[in-house]
Amino acid sequence: MPGSAKNVDFGKLIPEMKYWNNRKGIDVDSWIGCAANHKILVGCARILSSAMVAFSWGIR
């Protein structure tokens, strides 16, 4: 997992992960592969990357 993401408790952010795999739970990478809508991800990435560039440049 890249950068600081390895310190994130994805179980708290995505509580439904613990119900997958006959309630044994799955890791966030597996959950993304199963549940994510990659078309929406691309759209969100565009919005968030623009916001992050504006934030890092001090644009408001």
N, C-alpha and C. Protein backbone atom coordinates (compact mmCIF):
# COMPACT_ATOMS: atom_id res chain seq x y z
N MET A 1 0.84 -1.17 0.00
CA MET A 1 0.00 0.00 0.00
C MET A 1 0.89 1.24 0.00
N PRO A 2 0.59 2.21 -0.86
CA PRO A 2 1.47 3.37 -0.99
C PRO A 2 1.40 4.33 0.20
N GLY A 3 2.52 4.95 0.45
CA GLY A 3 2.62 6.06 1.40
C GLY A 3 2.05 5.80 2.77
N SER A 4 1.32 6.77 3.28
CA SER A 4 0.79 6.72 4.64
C SER A 4 -0.46 5.87 4.75
N ALA A 5 -0.96 5.33 3.66
CA ALA A 5 -2.19 4.54 3.69
C ALA A 5 -2.03 3.28 4.54
N LYS A 6 -0.81 2.79 4.75
CA LYS A 6 -0.66 1.58 5.54
C LYS A 6 -0.98 1.81 7.01
N ASN A 7 -1.09 3.04 7.46
CA ASN A 7 -1.45 3.35 8.84
C ASN A 7 -2.94 3.61 9.03
N VAL A 8 -3.71 3.55 7.96
CA VAL A 8 -5.14 3.82 8.01
C VAL A 8 -5.89 2.56 8.44
N ASP A 9 -6.85 2.71 9.33
CA ASP A 9 -7.69 1.58 9.74
C ASP A 9 -8.89 1.53 8.80
N PHE A 10 -8.73 0.80 7.70
CA PHE A 10 -9.80 0.71 6.71
C PHE A 10 -11.01 -0.02 7.25
N GLY A 11 -10.83 -0.84 8.26
CA GLY A 11 -11.96 -1.52 8.89
C GLY A 11 -12.94 -0.54 9.52
N LYS A 12 -12.44 0.56 10.03
CA LYS A 12 -13.32 1.60 10.57
C LYS A 12 -13.94 2.45 9.46
N LEU A 13 -13.17 2.68 8.40
CA LEU A 13 -13.68 3.48 7.29
C LEU A 13 -14.70 2.72 6.46
N ILE A 14 -14.51 1.41 6.32
CA ILE A 14 -15.39 0.58 5.50
C ILE A 14 -15.82 -0.62 6.34
N PRO A 15 -16.76 -0.42 7.27
CA PRO A 15 -17.12 -1.49 8.20
C PRO A 15 -17.68 -2.74 7.52
N GLU A 16 -18.24 -2.61 6.32
CA GLU A 16 -18.81 -3.78 5.65
C GLU A 16 -17.76 -4.82 5.26
N MET A 17 -16.49 -4.45 5.24
CA MET A 17 -15.44 -5.41 4.86
C MET A 17 -15.42 -6.63 5.77
N LYS A 18 -15.80 -6.45 7.03
CA LYS A 18 -15.77 -7.57 7.97
C LYS A 18 -16.86 -8.61 7.69
N TYR A 19 -17.85 -8.26 6.88
CA TYR A 19 -18.93 -9.19 6.56
C TYR A 19 -18.66 -10.02 5.31
N TRP A 20 -17.66 -9.66 4.55
CA TRP A 20 -17.32 -10.40 3.33
C TRP A 20 -16.62 -11.70 3.70
N ASN A 21 -16.54 -12.63 2.74
CA ASN A 21 -15.81 -13.89 2.91
C ASN A 21 -16.38 -14.70 4.09
N ASN A 22 -17.69 -14.90 4.06
CA ASN A 22 -18.37 -15.65 5.13
C ASN A 22 -18.09 -15.06 6.51
N ARG A 23 -18.10 -13.74 6.56
CA ARG A 23 -17.88 -12.98 7.79
C ARG A 23 -16.47 -13.12 8.37
N LYS A 24 -15.53 -13.58 7.56
CA LYS A 24 -14.13 -13.63 7.97
C LYS A 24 -13.44 -12.31 7.66
N GLY A 25 -14.05 -11.51 6.80
CA GLY A 25 -13.50 -10.22 6.43
C GLY A 25 -12.51 -10.33 5.27
N ILE A 26 -12.28 -9.19 4.63
CA ILE A 26 -11.29 -9.12 3.56
C ILE A 26 -10.50 -7.82 3.73
N ASP A 27 -9.35 -7.77 3.09
CA ASP A 27 -8.52 -6.56 3.15
C ASP A 27 -9.05 -5.53 2.16
N VAL A 28 -8.60 -4.30 2.30
CA VAL A 28 -9.13 -3.20 1.50
C VAL A 28 -8.82 -3.38 0.01
N ASP A 29 -7.68 -3.93 -0.34
CA ASP A 29 -7.36 -4.13 -1.76
C ASP A 29 -8.31 -5.13 -2.39
N SER A 30 -8.64 -6.20 -1.68
CA SER A 30 -9.60 -7.18 -2.19
C SER A 30 -10.98 -6.55 -2.30
N TRP A 31 -11.37 -5.77 -1.30
CA TRP A 31 -12.67 -5.12 -1.32
C TRP A 31 -12.79 -4.17 -2.51
N ILE A 32 -11.75 -3.40 -2.78
CA ILE A 32 -11.76 -2.49 -3.93
C ILE A 32 -11.94 -3.29 -5.22
N GLY A 33 -11.23 -4.40 -5.34
CA GLY A 33 -11.35 -5.23 -6.54
C GLY A 33 -12.75 -5.79 -6.73
N CYS A 34 -13.43 -6.07 -5.64
CA CYS A 34 -14.78 -6.66 -5.71
C CYS A 34 -15.89 -5.63 -5.80
N ALA A 35 -15.77 -4.54 -5.06
CA ALA A 35 -16.90 -3.63 -4.89
C ALA A 35 -16.77 -2.29 -5.60
N ALA A 36 -15.57 -1.91 -5.96
CA ALA A 36 -15.37 -0.56 -6.49
C ALA A 36 -15.93 -0.42 -7.91
N ASN A 37 -16.46 0.76 -8.17
CA ASN A 37 -16.88 1.12 -9.52
C ASN A 37 -15.76 1.99 -10.06
N HIS A 38 -14.96 1.44 -10.93
CA HIS A 38 -13.76 2.12 -11.39
C HIS A 38 -14.06 3.35 -12.25
N LYS A 39 -15.24 3.39 -12.86
CA LYS A 39 -15.62 4.58 -13.63
C LYS A 39 -15.83 5.76 -12.67
N ILE A 40 -16.48 5.50 -11.55
CA ILE A 40 -16.68 6.56 -10.56
C ILE A 40 -15.34 6.96 -9.95
N LEU A 41 -14.46 6.00 -9.74
CA LEU A 41 -13.13 6.29 -9.19
C LEU A 41 -12.37 7.27 -10.08
N VAL A 42 -12.44 7.08 -11.39
CA VAL A 42 -11.75 7.98 -12.31
C VAL A 42 -12.32 9.39 -12.19
N GLY A 43 -13.64 9.50 -12.10
CA GLY A 43 -14.26 10.82 -11.94
C GLY A 43 -13.87 11.49 -10.63
N CYS A 44 -13.88 10.72 -9.56
CA CYS A 44 -13.48 11.28 -8.25
C CYS A 44 -12.02 11.68 -8.25
N ALA A 45 -11.18 10.89 -8.88
CA ALA A 45 -9.75 11.22 -8.93
C ALA A 45 -9.53 12.55 -9.63
N ARG A 46 -10.29 12.79 -10.68
CA ARG A 46 -10.16 14.07 -11.39
C ARG A 46 -10.54 15.23 -10.48
N ILE A 47 -11.64 15.09 -9.79
CA ILE A 47 -12.09 16.15 -8.88
C ILE A 47 -11.09 16.35 -7.75
N LEU A 48 -10.68 15.25 -7.12
CA LEU A 48 -9.78 15.36 -5.97
C LEU A 48 -8.39 15.83 -6.36
N SER A 49 -7.89 15.39 -7.51
CA SER A 49 -6.55 15.83 -7.89
C SER A 49 -6.54 17.33 -8.16
N SER A 50 -7.60 17.86 -8.76
CA SER A 50 -7.69 19.31 -8.97
C SER A 50 -7.75 20.05 -7.64
N ALA A 51 -8.51 19.50 -6.71
CA ALA A 51 -8.62 20.12 -5.39
C ALA A 51 -7.28 20.09 -4.66
N MET A 52 -6.54 19.00 -4.78
CA MET A 52 -5.26 18.88 -4.09
C MET A 52 -4.23 19.82 -4.69
N VAL A 53 -4.23 19.98 -6.00
CA VAL A 53 -3.31 20.92 -6.65
C VAL A 53 -3.64 22.33 -6.20
N ALA A 54 -4.91 22.68 -6.19
CA ALA A 54 -5.31 24.01 -5.74
C ALA A 54 -4.90 24.23 -4.29
N PHE A 55 -5.06 23.21 -3.45
CA PHE A 55 -4.68 23.33 -2.04
C PHE A 55 -3.18 23.49 -1.90
N SER A 56 -2.40 22.68 -2.63
CA SER A 56 -0.95 22.75 -2.48
C SER A 56 -0.38 24.06 -3.03
N TRP A 57 -1.08 24.67 -3.97
CA TRP A 57 -0.63 25.96 -4.51
C TRP A 57 -1.22 27.14 -3.73
N GLY A 58 -2.06 26.86 -2.75
CA GLY A 58 -2.66 27.92 -1.96
C GLY A 58 -3.80 28.62 -2.65
N ILE A 59 -4.39 28.01 -3.66
CA ILE A 59 -5.52 28.61 -4.39
C ILE A 59 -6.79 28.23 -3.66
N ARG A 60 -7.66 29.19 -3.46
CA ARG A 60 -8.94 28.91 -2.80
C ARG A 60 -10.07 29.45 -3.59
